PDB file of N, CA and C in Angstrom:
ATOM      1  N   UNK A   1       0.850  -1.172   0.000  1.00  0.00           N
ATOM      2  CA  UNK A   1       0.000   0.000   0.000  1.00  0.00           C
ATOM      3  C   UNK A   1       0.892   1.230   0.000  1.00  0.00           C
ATOM      4  N   UNK A   2       0.363   2.306  -0.540  1.00  0.00           N
ATOM      5  CA  UNK A   2       1.120   3.557  -0.573  1.00  0.00           C
ATOM      6  C   UNK A   2       0.394   4.552   0.312  1.00  0.00           C
ATOM      7  N   UNK A   3       1.139   5.152   1.244  1.00  0.00           N
ATOM      8  CA  UNK A   3       0.547   6.102   2.180  1.00  0.00           C
ATOM      9  C   UNK A   3       1.299   7.422   2.126  1.00  0.00           C
ATOM     10  N   UNK A   4       0.598   8.479   2.517  1.00  0.00           N
ATOM     11  CA  UNK A   4       1.215   9.797   2.640  1.00  0.00           C
ATOM     12  C   UNK A   4       0.692  10.433   3.919  1.00  0.00           C
ATOM     13  N   UNK A   5       1.409  11.407   4.449  1.00  0.00           N
ATOM     14  CA  UNK A   5       0.946  12.061   5.680  1.00  0.00           C
ATOM     15  C   UNK A   5      -0.389  12.769   5.453  1.00  0.00           C
ATOM     16  N   UNK A   6      -1.223  12.771   6.470  1.00  0.00           N
ATOM     17  CA  UNK A   6      -2.465  13.539   6.412  1.00  0.00           C
ATOM     18  C   UNK A   6      -2.098  15.020   6.324  1.00  0.00           C
ATOM     19  N   UNK A   7      -2.974  15.841   5.745  1.00  0.00           N
ATOM     20  CA  UNK A   7      -2.666  17.270   5.604  1.00  0.00           C
ATOM     21  C   UNK A   7      -2.263  17.915   6.934  1.00  0.00           C
ATOM     22  N   UNK A   8      -1.148  18.637   6.897  1.00  0.00           N
ATOM     23  CA  UNK A   8      -0.677  19.353   8.074  1.00  0.00           C
ATOM     24  C   UNK A   8       0.160  18.533   9.039  1.00  0.00           C
ATOM     25  N   UNK A   9       0.419  17.260   8.719  1.00  0.00           N
ATOM     26  CA  UNK A   9       1.178  16.406   9.635  1.00  0.00           C
ATOM     27  C   UNK A   9       2.487  15.955   9.018  1.00  0.00           C
ATOM     28  N   UNK A  10       3.449  15.642   9.882  1.00  0.00           N
ATOM     29  CA  UNK A  10       4.687  14.984   9.486  1.00  0.00           C
ATOM     30  C   UNK A  10       4.696  13.651  10.216  1.00  0.00           C
ATOM     31  N   UNK A  11       4.942  12.583   9.477  1.00  0.00           N
ATOM     32  CA  UNK A  11       4.932  11.242  10.052  1.00  0.00           C
ATOM     33  C   UNK A  11       6.298  10.617   9.818  1.00  0.00           C
ATOM     34  N   UNK A  12       6.914  10.168  10.896  1.00  0.00           N
ATOM     35  CA  UNK A  12       8.243   9.567  10.804  1.00  0.00           C
ATOM     36  C   UNK A  12       8.133   8.105  10.374  1.00  0.00           C
ATOM     37  N   UNK A  13       9.025   7.717   9.458  1.00  0.00           N
ATOM     38  CA  UNK A  13       9.136   6.325   9.026  1.00  0.00           C
ATOM     39  C   UNK A  13      10.072   5.629  10.011  1.00  0.00           C
ATOM     40  N   UNK A  14       9.591   4.611  10.733  1.00  0.00           N
ATOM     41  CA  UNK A  14      10.423   3.981  11.758  1.00  0.00           C
ATOM     42  C   UNK A  14      11.573   3.146  11.188  1.00  0.00           C
ATOM     43  N   UNK A  15      11.491   2.757   9.931  1.00  0.00           N
ATOM     44  CA  UNK A  15      12.544   1.944   9.325  1.00  0.00           C
ATOM     45  C   UNK A  15      13.644   2.828   8.746  1.00  0.00           C
ATOM     46  N   UNK A  16      13.253   3.824   7.959  1.00  0.00           N
ATOM     47  CA  UNK A  16      14.234   4.688   7.297  1.00  0.00           C
ATOM     48  C   UNK A  16      14.662   5.875   8.148  1.00  0.00           C
ATOM     49  N   UNK A  17      13.984   6.094   9.262  1.00  0.00           N
ATOM     50  CA  UNK A  17      14.321   7.172  10.205  1.00  0.00           C
ATOM     51  C   UNK A  17      14.226   8.566   9.575  1.00  0.00           C
ATOM     52  N   UNK A  18      13.268   8.736   8.667  1.00  0.00           N
ATOM     53  CA  UNK A  18      13.020  10.054   8.094  1.00  0.00           C
ATOM     54  C   UNK A  18      11.513  10.278   8.058  1.00  0.00           C
ATOM     55  N   UNK A  19      11.097  11.408   7.517  1.00  0.00           N
ATOM     56  CA  UNK A  19       9.670  11.694   7.405  1.00  0.00           C
ATOM     57  C   UNK A  19       9.136  11.175   6.082  1.00  0.00           C
ATOM     58  N   UNK A  20       7.879  10.745   6.095  1.00  0.00           N
ATOM     59  CA  UNK A  20       7.238  10.346   4.845  1.00  0.00           C
ATOM     60  C   UNK A  20       7.179  11.553   3.919  1.00  0.00           C
ATOM     61  N   UNK A  21       7.502  11.368   2.644  1.00  0.00           N
ATOM     62  CA  UNK A  21       7.389  12.490   1.713  1.00  0.00           C
ATOM     63  C   UNK A  21       5.923  12.824   1.447  1.00  0.00           C
ATOM     64  N   UNK A  22       5.657  14.064   1.050  1.00  0.00           N
ATOM     65  CA  UNK A  22       4.283  14.496   0.789  1.00  0.00           C
ATOM     66  C   UNK A  22       3.628  13.699  -0.329  1.00  0.00           C
ATOM     67  N   UNK A  23       4.422  13.203  -1.284  1.00  0.00           N
ATOM     68  CA  UNK A  23       3.851  12.420  -2.381  1.00  0.00           C
ATOM     69  C   UNK A  23       3.581  10.973  -1.986  1.00  0.00           C
ATOM     70  N   UNK A  24       4.059  10.566  -0.819  1.00  0.00           N
ATOM     71  CA  UNK A  24       3.774   9.234  -0.304  1.00  0.00           C
ATOM     72  C   UNK A  24       4.929   8.272  -0.479  1.00  0.00           C
ATOM     73  N   UNK A  25       4.780   7.103   0.141  1.00  0.00           N
ATOM     74  CA  UNK A  25       5.802   6.056   0.086  1.00  0.00           C
ATOM     75  C   UNK A  25       5.113   4.704   0.142  1.00  0.00           C
ATOM     76  N   UNK A  26       5.663   3.759  -0.581  1.00  0.00           N
ATOM     77  CA  UNK A  26       5.166   2.389  -0.576  1.00  0.00           C
ATOM     78  C   UNK A  26       5.618   1.719   0.724  1.00  0.00           C
ATOM     79  N   UNK A  27       4.674   1.122   1.442  1.00  0.00           N
ATOM     80  CA  UNK A  27       4.972   0.408   2.685  1.00  0.00           C
ATOM     81  C   UNK A  27       4.288  -0.953   2.625  1.00  0.00           C
ATOM     82  N   UNK A  28       4.636  -1.829   3.535  1.00  0.00           N
ATOM     83  CA  UNK A  28       4.051  -3.163   3.549  1.00  0.00           C
ATOM     84  C   UNK A  28       2.556  -3.140   3.838  1.00  0.00           C
ATOM     85  N   UNK A  29       1.816  -4.002   3.148  1.00  0.00           N
ATOM     86  CA  UNK A  29       0.364  -4.062   3.331  1.00  0.00           C
ATOM     87  C   UNK A  29      -0.033  -4.472   4.746  1.00  0.00           C
ATOM     88  N   UNK A  30       0.821  -5.219   5.421  1.00  0.00           N
ATOM     89  CA  UNK A  30       0.485  -5.721   6.751  1.00  0.00           C
ATOM     90  C   UNK A  30       1.369  -5.108   7.839  1.00  0.00           C
ATOM     91  N   UNK A  31       1.945  -3.949   7.558  1.00  0.00           N
ATOM     92  CA  UNK A  31       2.800  -3.252   8.519  1.00  0.00           C
ATOM     93  C   UNK A  31       1.919  -2.657   9.619  1.00  0.00           C
ATOM     94  N   UNK A  32       2.036  -3.189  10.821  1.00  0.00           N
ATOM     95  CA  UNK A  32       1.168  -2.765  11.924  1.00  0.00           C
ATOM     96  C   UNK A  32       1.332  -1.291  12.262  1.00  0.00           C
ATOM     97  N   UNK A  33       2.541  -0.755  12.109  1.00  0.00           N
ATOM     98  CA  UNK A  33       2.765   0.666  12.388  1.00  0.00           C
ATOM     99  C   UNK A  33       1.877   1.518  11.492  1.00  0.00           C
ATOM    100  N   UNK A  34       1.866   1.236  10.199  1.00  0.00           N
ATOM    101  CA  UNK A  34       1.074   2.048   9.268  1.00  0.00           C
ATOM    102  C   UNK A  34      -0.414   1.733   9.340  1.00  0.00           C
ATOM    103  N   UNK A  35      -0.763   0.533   9.699  1.00  0.00           N
ATOM    104  CA  UNK A  35      -2.183   0.220   9.921  1.00  0.00           C
ATOM    105  C   UNK A  35      -2.709   1.066  11.080  1.00  0.00           C
ATOM    106  N   UNK A  36      -1.918   1.202  12.140  1.00  0.00           N
ATOM    107  CA  UNK A  36      -2.327   2.055  13.268  1.00  0.00           C
ATOM    108  C   UNK A  36      -2.375   3.518  12.862  1.00  0.00           C
ATOM    109  N   UNK A  37      -1.387   3.972  12.075  1.00  0.00           N
ATOM    110  CA  UNK A  37      -1.388   5.370  11.614  1.00  0.00           C
ATOM    111  C   UNK A  37      -2.617   5.654  10.750  1.00  0.00           C
ATOM    112  N   UNK A  38      -3.012   4.699   9.905  1.00  0.00           N
ATOM    113  CA  UNK A  38      -4.230   4.861   9.097  1.00  0.00           C
ATOM    114  C   UNK A  38      -5.458   4.972   9.990  1.00  0.00           C
ATOM    115  N   UNK A  39      -5.552   4.081  10.953  1.00  0.00           N
ATOM    116  CA  UNK A  39      -6.706   4.069  11.857  1.00  0.00           C
ATOM    117  C   UNK A  39      -6.794   5.368  12.654  1.00  0.00           C
ATOM    118  N   UNK A  40      -5.645   5.910  13.049  1.00  0.00           N
ATOM    119  CA  UNK A  40      -5.617   7.148  13.835  1.00  0.00           C
ATOM    120  C   UNK A  40      -5.780   8.400  12.981  1.00  0.00           C
ATOM    121  N   UNK A  41      -5.689   8.255  11.657  1.00  0.00           N
ATOM    122  CA  UNK A  41      -5.845   9.405  10.772  1.00  0.00           C
ATOM    123  C   UNK A  41      -4.561  10.186  10.541  1.00  0.00           C
ATOM    124  N   UNK A  42      -3.416   9.620  10.937  1.00  0.00           N
ATOM    125  CA  UNK A  42      -2.138  10.308  10.747  1.00  0.00           C
ATOM    126  C   UNK A  42      -1.631  10.202   9.310  1.00  0.00           C
ATOM    127  N   UNK A  43      -2.018   9.126   8.611  1.00  0.00           N
ATOM    128  CA  UNK A  43      -1.669   8.966   7.199  1.00  0.00           C
ATOM    129  C   UNK A  43      -2.932   8.639   6.420  1.00  0.00           C
ATOM    130  N   UNK A  44      -2.868   8.855   5.111  1.00  0.00           N
ATOM    131  CA  UNK A  44      -3.979   8.511   4.220  1.00  0.00           C
ATOM    132  C   UNK A  44      -3.424   7.676   3.076  1.00  0.00           C
ATOM    133  N   UNK A  45      -4.276   6.829   2.510  1.00  0.00           N
ATOM    134  CA  UNK A  45      -3.876   6.020   1.366  1.00  0.00           C
ATOM    135  C   UNK A  45      -3.758   6.894   0.129  1.00  0.00           C
ATOM    136  N   UNK A  46      -2.760   6.602  -0.689  1.00  0.00           N
ATOM    137  CA  UNK A  46      -2.584   7.308  -1.957  1.00  0.00           C
ATOM    138  C   UNK A  46      -3.321   6.510  -3.015  1.00  0.00           C
ATOM    139  N   UNK A  47      -4.173   7.186  -3.773  1.00  0.00           N
ATOM    140  CA  UNK A  47      -4.925   6.540  -4.841  1.00  0.00           C
ATOM    141  C   UNK A  47      -4.018   6.426  -6.058  1.00  0.00           C
ATOM    142  N   UNK A  48      -3.534   5.212  -6.330  1.00  0.00           N
ATOM    143  CA  UNK A  48      -2.599   4.994  -7.436  1.00  0.00           C
ATOM    144  C   UNK A  48      -3.215   5.351  -8.781  1.00  0.00           C
ATOM    145  N   UNK A  49      -4.482   5.053  -8.985  1.00  0.00           N
ATOM    146  CA  UNK A  49      -5.130   5.339 -10.267  1.00  0.00           C
ATOM    147  C   UNK A  49      -5.155   6.839 -10.540  1.00  0.00           C
ATOM    148  N   UNK A  50      -5.405   7.635  -9.526  1.00  0.00           N
ATOM    149  CA  UNK A  50      -5.446   9.086  -9.696  1.00  0.00           C
ATOM    150  C   UNK A  50      -4.062   9.634 -10.012  1.00  0.00           C
ATOM    151  N   UNK A  51      -3.030   9.111  -9.356  1.00  0.00           N
ATOM    152  CA  UNK A  51      -1.687   9.621  -9.605  1.00  0.00           C
ATOM    153  C   UNK A  51      -1.205   9.239 -11.002  1.00  0.00           C
ATOM    154  N   UNK A  52      -1.596   8.073 -11.500  1.00  0.00           N
ATOM    155  CA  UNK A  52      -1.238   7.677 -12.862  1.00  0.00           C
ATOM    156  C   UNK A  52      -1.968   8.561 -13.861  1.00  0.00           C
ATOM    157  N   UNK A  53      -3.238   8.858 -13.620  1.00  0.00           N
ATOM    158  CA  UNK A  53      -4.011   9.720 -14.510  1.00  0.00           C
ATOM    159  C   UNK A  53      -3.427  11.126 -14.536  1.00  0.00           C
ATOM    160  N   UNK A  54      -3.003  11.635 -13.393  1.00  0.00           N
ATOM    161  CA  UNK A  54      -2.390  12.962 -13.336  1.00  0.00           C
ATOM    162  C   UNK A  54      -1.102  13.004 -14.151  1.00  0.00           C
ATOM    163  N   UNK A  55      -0.325  11.942 -14.091  1.00  0.00           N
ATOM    164  CA  UNK A  55       0.926  11.873 -14.831  1.00  0.00           C
ATOM    165  C   UNK A  55       0.666  11.871 -16.332  1.00  0.00           C
ATOM    166  N   UNK A  56      -0.356  11.158 -16.770  1.00  0.00           N
ATOM    167  CA  UNK A  56      -0.672  11.101 -18.194  1.00  0.00           C
ATOM    168  C   UNK A  56      -1.150  12.451 -18.705  1.00  0.00           C
ATOM    169  N   UNK A  57      -1.829  13.226 -17.881  1.00  0.00           N
ATOM    170  CA  UNK A  57      -2.301  14.543 -18.293  1.00  0.00           C
ATOM    171  C   UNK A  57      -1.143  15.503 -18.534  1.00  0.00           C
ATOM    172  N   UNK A  58      -0.048  15.314 -17.808  1.00  0.00           N
ATOM    173  CA  UNK A  58       1.101  16.210 -17.915  1.00  0.00           C
ATOM    174  C   UNK A  58       1.813  16.005 -19.244  1.00  0.00           C
ATOM    175  N   UNK A  59       1.878  14.770 -19.710  1.00  0.00           N
ATOM    176  CA  UNK A  59       2.592  14.459 -20.957  1.00  0.00           C
ATOM    177  C   UNK A  59       1.835  14.961 -22.097  1.00  0.00           C
TER     178      UNK A  59
END
């Protein structure tokens, strides 16, 4: 799954020891850390179909 920080938040990646980029990062589908962050509203899922469509519009 691909997640990005919720608007106005910075979320630290516990593995890479940095902040999630605003465009999002691919993480494990069963990663309990990110499942909890999703449930708490700290991160949101990135819609892959929308990001691909946006890229095609630019070209």
